[in-house]
Amino acid sequence: MESASLIQSLEKLLGVEAVTSAADELLVYECDGHTIERALPTAVVFPTTAEQIAEVVRLCHRLRVPFLARGAGTGLSGGALPVEGGVLIEMARMNRVLEIDEVNQVAVVEPGLVNLRLSQAVQGMGLYYAPDPSSQAACTLGGNAAENSGGPHTLKYGVTTNHVLGLEMVLPNGETITCGSRAGRGPGYDLTGLLVGSEGTFGIITKIIVRLTRLPEAYKTLAAVFPSIDAASSTVTEIIGAGIIPAALEMIDHFVLRAVEAYLHLGFPAAAGAVLLIELDGIRDGLDELAERIEAICRQNGSLEVRVAKDDAERALLWKARKEAFGALGRVTRSFYTHDGVIPRTKLPEALRRIYAIVEKHGLGIANVFHAGDGNLHPLVLFDDRKPGDQERALKAGEEILRVCVDLGGSLSGEHGIGLEKREWMPWFFTDQDLELMQRVRSVFNPEGLCNPGKVFPTPGRCVETRPFAKAPNVSA
């Protein structure tokens, strides 16, 4: 179908003000947080209701035009890229909290609602929404559900799938289905669990039922400074091995610390090789004792300093150092490529040594800030996109880093998803039979492949090295 005719049809459905196809405006949507790869849609639409989404999807299905959903564009695997053009369905105007059930601790929301806004809406009731990606001030709940996003506090509270009770979704043929309920999973197959994390390849989420969590009575937040990242890594294993499960256990390496220090002036010593940000929460009684046990473990592992947040303001400042670390890096590097591999936490020292060596071999920089407690790594390969060959070296280093994660018994992704970025490496982790079975499941929902095409699975016919070892254990992030 001609682009002009498609745009005219979309405008007739939604109104001229809800459709954009101007070349300069489409540039806004050429990439998500994974900025290395780019693609332009034919048109972007801004629906305000689930029925409008269904109408757009029915039109695309009838005309055989590819389509996909996009939230805030904070994803880091190219999941929101329109690799075959077509219609990009922008969810930003579907951003309402539809219902809050305080007694049963349940909320019903639209997919364009920003993650943090939900916690702010229920804070006065003593509730919050537990999954907290680092981009929670911008990312949307629909995108979180599509990618099964995590965050610092998933060590104790779990990832998005543990907090989604039900969904409404428009299928690629324009039909609308619901699964789950306010009561959570019922009898029969767990379709909600299947759809959460399907990366927008099964349909377009239009409504989400989520579980809310009671705010903890108290918090205890510690920042432990170590002379080396090795010492910090060993401490992570010892804390968990001692039977202590913090709400969050995050690591920030020396390079990130320097960037954050220049921005926030936290006063960390120049000799710091790494900092562990450790948070306990729960009933007030007993938190001091747990904090003392953690401090003792840190000091036994050579900690230079253990700082305990004195009040909410100091706690917020420490978390600002973690949550805004990526932004702070923009002050000290031109570009960076973020990865998302997972390893067993006992392999942290070995994995990090190998990662630093890989990046050094390619003549690039490296920064690490990640969810140490569950082994979800976020190495940032630093490069200058103005220098010939730098981006190619960064991509090669990233590939080798993911191979290390898989070889150590880990996984390709903890929370960012496979998307476009990691699809060619799926055979490292899955057999041909595994991949065929997953594609057959996708075909049940998306038989024509029009919904978010080109994601998750390797390019047909592409020669990719398969894994020559038994399947690694599933390591959750």
Protein backbone atom coordinates (compact mmCIF):
# COMPACT_ATOMS: atom_id res chain seq x y z
CA MET A 1 0.00 0.00 0.00
CA GLU A 2 1.24 3.51 -0.78
CA SER A 3 2.37 5.49 2.26
CA ALA A 4 0.06 8.40 1.44
CA SER A 5 -2.97 6.11 1.29
CA LEU A 6 -2.02 4.42 4.59
CA ILE A 7 -1.61 7.77 6.33
CA GLN A 8 -4.91 8.98 4.97
CA SER A 9 -6.63 5.85 6.30
CA LEU A 10 -5.05 6.34 9.74
CA GLU A 11 -6.13 9.97 9.84
CA LYS A 12 -9.67 8.94 8.99
CA LEU A 13 -9.65 6.50 11.93
CA LEU A 14 -8.01 8.70 14.58
CA GLY A 15 -8.11 12.26 13.32
CA VAL A 16 -5.31 14.29 11.76
CA GLU A 17 -3.99 15.44 15.13
CA ALA A 18 -3.33 11.83 16.21
CA VAL A 19 -1.15 10.86 13.22
CA THR A 20 2.29 12.12 12.23
CA SER A 21 4.31 11.28 9.15
CA ALA A 22 6.51 14.37 8.72
CA ALA A 23 10.12 13.34 8.15
CA ASP A 24 11.55 15.55 10.90
CA GLU A 25 9.00 14.31 13.45
CA LEU A 26 9.59 10.66 12.57
CA LEU A 27 13.28 11.09 13.49
CA VAL A 28 12.24 11.20 17.15
CA TYR A 29 11.20 7.55 16.83
CA GLU A 30 14.14 6.15 14.87
CA CYS A 31 15.67 4.41 17.91
CA ASP A 32 15.04 3.58 21.54
CA GLY A 33 17.69 3.57 24.30
CA HIS A 34 19.73 1.22 22.13
CA THR A 35 20.91 4.04 19.90
CA ILE A 36 23.37 2.06 17.80
CA GLU A 37 20.65 0.72 15.48
CA ARG A 38 17.98 2.91 13.87
CA ALA A 39 14.92 2.55 11.66
CA LEU A 40 12.09 4.90 10.67
CA PRO A 41 8.36 4.11 10.74
CA THR A 42 6.04 5.13 7.92
CA ALA A 43 3.75 6.84 10.42
CA VAL A 44 3.29 7.28 14.17
CA VAL A 45 -0.17 7.23 15.73
CA PHE A 46 -1.26 8.44 19.18
CA PRO A 47 -4.35 6.51 20.32
CA THR A 48 -6.21 7.39 23.50
CA THR A 49 -8.37 4.25 23.86
CA ALA A 50 -8.05 0.51 23.50
CA GLU A 51 -10.69 0.56 20.76
CA GLN A 52 -8.63 3.00 18.71
CA ILE A 53 -5.66 0.65 19.01
CA ALA A 54 -7.84 -2.24 17.86
CA GLU A 55 -9.00 -0.21 14.84
CA VAL A 56 -5.42 0.63 13.87
CA VAL A 57 -4.37 -3.01 14.23
CA ARG A 58 -7.33 -4.23 12.18
CA LEU A 59 -6.37 -1.77 9.43
CA CYS A 60 -2.74 -2.95 9.47
CA HIS A 61 -3.83 -6.57 9.46
CA ARG A 62 -6.14 -6.03 6.50
CA LEU A 63 -3.46 -4.16 4.52
CA ARG A 64 -0.58 -6.44 5.65
CA VAL A 65 1.31 -3.47 7.11
CA PRO A 66 3.74 -4.14 10.01
CA PHE A 67 3.09 -2.38 13.32
CA LEU A 68 4.44 -2.20 16.86
CA ALA A 69 3.89 -0.42 20.16
CA ARG A 70 6.22 2.09 21.80
CA GLY A 71 6.13 3.55 25.30
CA ALA A 72 8.79 6.03 26.43
CA GLY A 73 11.52 4.58 24.22
CA THR A 74 13.78 3.80 27.19
CA GLY A 75 14.28 0.16 26.16
CA LEU A 76 17.87 -0.95 25.63
CA SER A 77 17.62 -3.80 23.12
CA GLY A 78 16.06 -2.16 20.05
CA GLY A 79 12.66 -3.62 20.87
CA ALA A 80 10.80 -0.48 19.77
CA LEU A 81 12.50 -0.12 16.38
CA PRO A 82 10.22 -0.35 13.32
CA VAL A 83 12.73 -2.44 11.37
CA GLU A 84 10.28 -3.01 8.51
CA GLY A 85 8.70 0.45 8.62
CA GLY A 86 4.95 0.48 9.01
CA VAL A 87 2.91 1.96 11.86
CA LEU A 88 4.36 2.79 15.26
CA ILE A 89 1.65 2.94 17.93
CA GLU A 90 2.81 5.46 20.54
CA MET A 91 1.15 4.79 23.91
CA ALA A 92 2.01 8.09 25.65
CA ARG A 93 -1.60 9.38 25.69
CA MET A 94 -2.91 6.22 27.38
CA ASN A 95 -1.40 7.09 30.75
CA ARG A 96 -4.20 6.89 33.30
CA VAL A 97 -4.57 5.04 36.57
CA LEU A 98 -7.99 3.53 35.93
CA GLU A 99 -8.67 2.10 39.36
CA ILE A 100 -7.03 1.65 42.75
CA ASP A 101 -8.33 -1.06 45.09
CA GLU A 102 -6.62 -0.11 48.36
CA VAL A 103 -8.07 -2.98 50.39
CA ASN A 104 -6.93 -5.70 47.98
CA GLN A 105 -3.73 -3.83 47.01
CA VAL A 106 -4.48 -3.86 43.28
CA ALA A 107 -4.37 -1.17 40.60
CA VAL A 108 -5.63 -1.15 37.01
CA VAL A 109 -3.57 1.07 34.71
CA GLU A 110 -3.09 1.99 31.09
CA PRO A 111 0.16 0.98 29.38
CA GLY A 112 1.49 4.52 28.87
CA LEU A 113 1.56 5.29 32.60
CA VAL A 114 5.07 6.13 33.79
CA ASN A 115 6.29 3.59 36.35
CA LEU A 116 7.04 6.09 39.12
CA ARG A 117 3.64 7.79 38.75
CA LEU A 118 1.86 4.71 40.05
CA SER A 119 3.86 4.64 43.29
CA GLN A 120 3.26 8.36 43.71
CA ALA A 121 -0.48 7.85 43.21
CA VAL A 122 -0.75 5.28 46.02
CA GLN A 123 1.93 6.53 48.41
CA GLY A 124 -0.66 8.24 50.62
CA MET A 125 -2.30 4.83 51.13
CA GLY A 126 0.94 3.33 52.39
CA LEU A 127 1.42 1.38 49.15
CA TYR A 128 3.80 1.36 46.19
CA TYR A 129 4.60 -0.55 43.00
CA ALA A 130 7.73 -2.60 43.71
CA PRO A 131 9.47 -3.11 40.31
CA ASP A 132 11.75 -0.08 39.95
CA PRO A 133 13.87 0.04 36.77
CA SER A 134 16.59 2.68 36.88
CA SER A 135 14.58 4.57 34.25
CA GLN A 136 11.43 4.45 36.40
CA ALA A 137 10.97 8.23 36.21
CA ALA A 138 10.47 7.85 32.43
CA CYS A 139 9.72 4.23 31.46
CA THR A 140 6.12 3.06 31.10
CA LEU A 141 4.32 0.11 32.62
CA GLY A 142 3.34 -1.28 29.23
CA GLY A 143 7.00 -1.38 28.21
CA ASN A 144 7.91 -2.88 31.58
CA ALA A 145 5.39 -5.67 31.02
CA ALA A 146 6.53 -6.27 27.45
CA GLU A 147 10.17 -6.62 28.52
CA ASN A 148 9.58 -8.12 32.00
CA SER A 149 11.69 -5.32 33.43
CA GLY A 150 13.56 -5.58 36.70
CA GLY A 151 15.40 -2.99 38.77
CA PRO A 152 17.51 -2.71 41.93
CA HIS A 153 14.85 -4.06 44.31
CA THR A 154 14.02 -7.20 42.32
CA LEU A 155 16.54 -9.12 44.44
CA LYS A 156 13.88 -9.30 47.17
CA TYR A 157 10.64 -8.45 45.36
CA GLY A 158 11.00 -10.06 41.92
CA VAL A 159 10.66 -8.74 38.38
CA THR A 160 7.57 -7.37 36.62
CA THR A 161 5.95 -10.76 36.02
CA ASN A 162 5.72 -11.25 39.80
CA HIS A 163 3.54 -8.13 40.07
CA VAL A 164 1.26 -8.37 37.01
CA LEU A 165 -2.04 -10.11 37.78
CA GLY A 166 -3.75 -9.72 34.43
CA LEU A 167 -3.69 -8.04 31.02
CA GLU A 168 -5.92 -6.78 28.26
CA MET A 169 -4.30 -7.14 24.83
CA VAL A 170 -5.19 -6.45 21.22
CA LEU A 171 -4.06 -9.41 19.11
CA PRO A 172 -2.43 -8.88 15.70
CA ASN A 173 -5.75 -9.57 13.95
CA GLY A 174 -7.48 -6.78 15.93
CA GLU A 175 -9.32 -9.00 18.40
CA THR A 176 -9.11 -8.12 22.11
CA ILE A 177 -8.40 -10.71 24.80
CA THR A 178 -8.10 -10.60 28.58
CA CYS A 179 -6.16 -12.95 30.81
CA GLY A 180 -5.60 -13.22 34.53
CA SER A 181 -7.70 -11.33 37.07
CA ARG A 182 -7.51 -9.21 40.19
CA ALA A 183 -7.09 -12.43 42.11
CA GLY A 184 -4.10 -13.43 40.00
CA ARG A 185 -3.68 -16.72 38.27
CA GLY A 186 -6.67 -19.02 38.09
CA PRO A 187 -7.08 -22.52 36.66
CA GLY A 188 -5.78 -23.33 33.20
CA TYR A 189 -2.67 -22.11 31.42
CA ASP A 190 -0.84 -19.07 32.74
CA LEU A 191 -1.34 -16.81 29.71
CA THR A 192 -0.43 -13.71 31.71
CA GLY A 193 2.96 -15.21 32.47
CA LEU A 194 3.40 -16.03 28.79
CA LEU A 195 2.51 -12.53 27.59
CA VAL A 196 4.66 -10.66 30.11
CA GLY A 197 8.13 -10.59 28.58
CA SER A 198 6.95 -11.43 25.05
CA GLU A 199 8.55 -8.17 23.86
CA GLY A 200 5.55 -6.87 21.96
CA THR A 201 5.58 -9.76 19.49
CA PHE A 202 2.23 -11.27 20.58
CA GLY A 203 0.07 -8.15 20.50
CA ILE A 204 -0.44 -4.67 21.96
CA ILE A 205 -1.09 -4.39 25.71
CA THR A 206 -3.96 -1.98 26.44
CA LYS A 207 -4.64 -2.51 30.15
CA ILE A 208 -2.64 -3.95 33.06
CA ILE A 209 -3.78 -5.23 36.46
CA VAL A 210 -0.89 -4.94 38.90
CA ARG A 211 -0.22 -5.98 42.48
CA LEU A 212 0.65 -3.19 44.90
CA THR A 213 2.96 -3.70 47.88
CA ARG A 214 2.75 -2.30 51.39
CA LEU A 215 5.46 0.30 52.06
CA PRO A 216 8.07 -1.06 54.49
CA GLU A 217 8.03 0.26 58.03
CA ALA A 218 11.71 1.19 57.83
CA TYR A 219 14.78 1.22 55.58
CA LYS A 220 18.47 0.85 56.28
CA THR A 221 20.73 1.93 53.43
CA LEU A 222 24.50 1.38 53.44
CA ALA A 223 27.27 2.37 51.04
CA ALA A 224 30.36 0.18 51.46
CA VAL A 225 33.56 1.43 49.80
CA PHE A 226 36.14 -1.12 48.61
CA PRO A 227 39.66 -0.78 47.23
CA SER A 228 38.87 -3.07 44.29
CA ILE A 229 35.96 -4.47 42.38
CA ASP A 230 37.22 -7.97 43.23
CA ALA A 231 36.82 -7.31 46.95
CA ALA A 232 33.34 -5.87 46.41
CA SER A 233 32.33 -8.87 44.26
CA SER A 234 33.43 -11.40 46.88
CA THR A 235 31.45 -9.49 49.51
CA VAL A 236 28.23 -9.89 47.49
CA THR A 237 28.50 -13.68 47.63
CA GLU A 238 29.30 -13.65 51.35
CA ILE A 239 26.31 -11.47 52.24
CA ILE A 240 23.86 -13.75 50.43
CA GLY A 241 25.71 -16.82 51.72
CA ALA A 242 25.17 -15.59 55.28
CA GLY A 243 21.43 -15.91 54.72
CA ILE A 244 20.82 -12.18 54.36
CA ILE A 245 18.64 -11.12 51.42
CA PRO A 246 18.77 -7.33 51.13
CA ALA A 247 16.04 -5.48 49.28
CA ALA A 248 18.78 -4.28 46.92
CA LEU A 249 22.48 -4.99 46.45
CA GLU A 250 24.01 -2.79 43.74
CA MET A 251 27.59 -2.26 42.58
CA ILE A 252 29.19 0.91 41.19
CA ASP A 253 32.76 0.71 39.88
CA HIS A 254 35.56 3.28 40.01
CA PHE A 255 34.86 4.88 36.64
CA VAL A 256 31.18 5.41 37.39
CA LEU A 257 32.05 6.69 40.88
CA ARG A 258 34.26 9.38 39.38
CA ALA A 259 31.46 10.51 37.08
CA VAL A 260 28.89 10.50 39.88
CA GLU A 261 31.25 12.25 42.29
CA ALA A 262 31.79 15.09 39.82
CA TYR A 263 28.02 15.46 39.60
CA LEU A 264 26.77 14.85 43.16
CA HIS A 265 29.89 15.44 45.34
CA LEU A 266 29.17 12.56 47.71
CA GLY A 267 32.66 12.56 49.21
CA PHE A 268 33.68 9.02 48.36
CA PRO A 269 37.48 8.53 48.69
CA ALA A 270 39.57 8.80 45.52
CA ALA A 271 41.03 5.35 46.26
CA ALA A 272 37.62 3.69 45.96
CA GLY A 273 37.67 0.84 43.44
CA ALA A 274 33.99 0.08 43.88
CA VAL A 275 31.00 0.83 46.09
CA LEU A 276 28.26 -1.57 47.13
CA LEU A 277 24.91 0.09 47.72
CA ILE A 278 23.02 -2.18 50.10
CA GLU A 279 19.45 -1.60 51.23
CA LEU A 280 17.50 -3.45 53.91
CA ASP A 281 13.81 -2.89 54.49
CA GLY A 282 11.00 -4.31 56.57
CA ILE A 283 10.01 -4.20 60.23
CA ARG A 284 12.12 -1.68 62.13
CA ASP A 285 13.10 -4.15 64.85
CA GLY A 286 16.05 -6.19 63.67
CA LEU A 287 17.25 -3.92 60.83
CA ASP A 288 20.07 -2.46 62.92
CA GLU A 289 21.32 -5.95 63.75
CA LEU A 290 21.23 -6.98 60.08
CA ALA A 291 23.07 -3.82 59.09
CA GLU A 292 25.77 -4.57 61.68
CA ARG A 293 26.20 -8.09 60.29
CA ILE A 294 26.55 -6.72 56.76
CA GLU A 295 29.03 -4.08 57.91
CA ALA A 296 31.13 -6.79 59.60
CA ILE A 297 31.18 -8.86 56.37
CA CYS A 298 32.20 -5.78 54.36
CA ARG A 299 35.06 -4.98 56.74
CA GLN A 300 36.25 -8.60 56.70
CA ASN A 301 36.56 -8.23 52.93
CA GLY A 302 38.71 -5.10 53.17
CA SER A 303 36.11 -2.36 53.04
CA LEU A 304 37.66 1.10 53.38
CA GLU A 305 34.48 2.67 54.72
CA VAL A 306 30.86 1.73 55.40
CA ARG A 307 28.49 4.68 55.33
CA VAL A 308 24.96 4.33 56.72
CA ALA A 309 22.33 6.80 55.52
CA LYS A 310 21.27 8.88 58.53
CA ASP A 311 17.89 9.94 57.17
CA ASP A 312 15.60 9.82 54.13
CA ALA A 313 17.44 12.69 52.45
CA GLU A 314 20.79 10.90 52.63
CA ARG A 315 19.18 7.65 51.47
CA ALA A 316 17.68 9.48 48.48
CA LEU A 317 21.10 10.96 47.65
CA LEU A 318 22.78 7.55 47.67
CA TRP A 319 20.05 6.17 45.41
CA LYS A 320 20.42 9.18 43.15
CA ALA A 321 24.05 8.15 42.64
CA ARG A 322 22.81 4.75 41.42
CA LYS A 323 19.70 5.77 39.49
CA GLU A 324 21.37 8.65 37.64
CA ALA A 325 24.70 6.94 36.99
CA PHE A 326 24.01 6.53 33.27
CA GLY A 327 23.24 10.23 32.94
CA ALA A 328 26.39 11.17 34.87
CA LEU A 329 28.49 9.17 32.39
CA GLY A 330 27.40 11.57 29.68
CA ARG A 331 29.75 14.08 31.30
CA VAL A 332 32.83 11.92 30.77
CA THR A 333 32.27 9.88 27.60
CA ARG A 334 30.91 10.56 24.13
CA SER A 335 28.98 7.27 23.73
CA PHE A 336 28.42 4.00 25.53
CA TYR A 337 26.95 0.60 24.70
CA THR A 338 25.03 -1.00 27.58
CA HIS A 339 24.76 -4.75 28.04
CA ASP A 340 22.50 -6.91 30.15
CA GLY A 341 24.00 -10.38 30.60
CA VAL A 342 23.33 -12.47 33.70
CA ILE A 343 25.73 -14.73 35.59
CA PRO A 344 25.55 -16.78 38.79
CA ARG A 345 26.59 -14.32 41.51
CA THR A 346 29.42 -16.63 42.64
CA LYS A 347 31.03 -16.00 39.24
CA LEU A 348 31.12 -12.21 39.67
CA PRO A 349 34.90 -11.83 40.27
CA GLU A 350 35.81 -14.03 37.29
CA ALA A 351 33.22 -12.45 34.99
CA LEU A 352 34.29 -8.90 35.77
CA ARG A 353 37.99 -9.70 35.29
CA ARG A 354 37.23 -11.18 31.88
CA ILE A 355 34.98 -8.26 30.91
CA TYR A 356 37.64 -5.68 31.76
CA ALA A 357 40.20 -7.69 29.75
CA ILE A 358 37.91 -7.88 26.71
CA VAL A 359 37.34 -4.14 26.59
CA GLU A 360 41.03 -3.37 27.16
CA LYS A 361 41.91 -5.69 24.27
CA HIS A 362 39.68 -3.64 21.98
CA GLY A 363 41.24 -0.38 23.15
CA LEU A 364 38.01 0.98 24.65
CA GLY A 365 36.83 2.11 28.08
CA ILE A 366 34.56 0.26 30.48
CA ALA A 367 32.21 1.26 33.29
CA ASN A 368 30.15 -1.05 35.48
CA VAL A 369 27.02 -0.26 37.47
CA PHE A 370 24.71 -3.22 38.01
CA HIS A 371 22.45 -5.45 40.11
CA ALA A 372 25.17 -7.41 41.88
CA GLY A 373 22.82 -9.31 44.19
CA ASP A 374 21.23 -11.30 41.36
CA GLY A 375 24.16 -11.29 38.95
CA ASN A 376 22.51 -9.03 36.38
CA LEU A 377 25.45 -7.20 34.81
CA HIS A 378 25.25 -3.86 33.02
CA PRO A 379 28.74 -3.28 31.60
CA LEU A 380 28.93 -0.05 29.63
CA VAL A 381 31.44 -0.16 26.79
CA LEU A 382 32.70 3.41 26.28
CA PHE A 383 33.55 4.65 22.80
CA ASP A 384 33.54 7.70 20.55
CA ASP A 385 31.11 7.38 17.65
CA ARG A 386 33.05 10.08 15.78
CA LYS A 387 36.15 7.88 15.55
CA PRO A 388 36.24 5.46 12.60
CA GLY A 389 35.98 1.86 13.80
CA ASP A 390 35.17 2.70 17.42
CA GLN A 391 31.51 1.64 17.23
CA GLU A 392 32.42 -1.61 15.47
CA ARG A 393 34.95 -2.40 18.24
CA ALA A 394 32.31 -1.65 20.87
CA LEU A 395 29.86 -4.05 19.21
CA LYS A 396 32.50 -6.78 19.02
CA ALA A 397 33.42 -6.28 22.66
CA GLY A 398 29.75 -6.47 23.60
CA GLU A 399 29.36 -9.76 21.75
CA GLU A 400 32.37 -11.23 23.57
CA ILE A 401 31.02 -10.03 26.93
CA LEU A 402 27.72 -11.83 26.35
CA ARG A 403 29.58 -14.97 25.35
CA VAL A 404 31.39 -14.87 28.70
CA CYS A 405 28.04 -14.63 30.52
CA VAL A 406 26.65 -17.67 28.70
CA ASP A 407 29.87 -19.67 29.13
CA LEU A 408 29.79 -19.04 32.89
CA GLY A 409 26.31 -20.56 33.17
CA GLY A 410 24.33 -17.35 32.78
CA SER A 411 21.93 -15.86 30.29
CA LEU A 412 21.75 -13.31 27.47
CA SER A 413 19.42 -10.90 29.26
CA GLY A 414 18.13 -10.19 32.72
CA GLU A 415 15.67 -7.39 32.02
CA HIS A 416 16.42 -5.52 28.78
CA GLY A 417 15.11 -8.26 26.50
CA ILE A 418 16.49 -9.77 23.31
CA GLY A 419 14.85 -7.39 20.84
CA LEU A 420 16.91 -6.59 17.79
CA GLU A 421 20.20 -6.35 19.65
CA LYS A 422 20.73 -9.94 20.84
CA ARG A 423 18.58 -11.97 18.44
CA GLU A 424 21.52 -13.41 16.47
CA TRP A 425 23.06 -14.84 19.65
CA MET A 426 20.00 -16.84 20.74
CA PRO A 427 21.54 -20.08 19.38
CA TRP A 428 24.29 -19.78 22.01
CA PHE A 429 21.69 -20.46 24.67
CA PHE A 430 18.92 -22.40 22.90
CA THR A 431 18.88 -25.42 20.61
CA ASP A 432 17.24 -25.31 17.18
CA GLN A 433 14.35 -27.27 18.70
CA ASP A 434 13.97 -24.70 21.49
CA LEU A 435 13.83 -21.83 19.03
CA GLU A 436 11.41 -23.62 16.72
CA LEU A 437 9.03 -24.32 19.60
CA MET A 438 9.11 -20.67 20.73
CA GLN A 439 8.43 -19.48 17.20
CA ARG A 440 5.47 -21.86 16.95
CA VAL A 441 4.05 -20.31 20.13
CA ARG A 442 4.52 -16.82 18.67
CA SER A 443 2.78 -17.92 15.48
CA VAL A 444 -0.35 -18.83 17.42
CA PHE A 445 -0.74 -15.17 18.38
CA ASN A 446 1.03 -13.51 15.45
CA PRO A 447 0.76 -15.86 12.43
CA GLU A 448 1.51 -13.25 9.75
CA GLY A 449 4.45 -11.82 11.69
CA LEU A 450 3.12 -8.26 11.36
CA CYS A 451 3.37 -7.39 15.06
CA ASN A 452 6.86 -6.12 15.94
CA PRO A 453 8.65 -8.12 13.23
CA GLY A 454 12.38 -8.81 13.25
CA LYS A 455 12.74 -9.23 17.01
CA VAL A 456 13.86 -11.99 19.37
CA PHE A 457 14.70 -14.71 16.82
CA PRO A 458 17.79 -14.98 14.58
CA THR A 459 17.64 -13.93 10.95
CA PRO A 460 16.51 -16.97 8.90
CA GLY A 461 19.39 -18.56 7.03
CA ARG A 462 22.07 -16.69 8.97
CA CYS A 463 25.00 -18.89 10.00
CA VAL A 464 25.49 -18.53 13.75
CA GLU A 465 27.73 -20.57 16.03
CA THR A 466 25.55 -22.72 18.27
CA ARG A 467 26.40 -23.57 21.84
CA PRO A 468 28.55 -26.72 22.09
CA PHE A 469 27.56 -27.38 25.70
CA ALA A 470 24.58 -28.48 27.75
CA LYS A 471 21.97 -25.81 28.33
CA ALA A 472 22.98 -23.48 31.12
CA PRO A 473 20.71 -23.21 34.15
CA ASN A 474 18.13 -20.47 34.05
CA VAL A 475 19.55 -17.61 36.12
CA SER A 476 16.81 -15.15 36.98
CA ALA A 477 17.43 -11.42 37.17
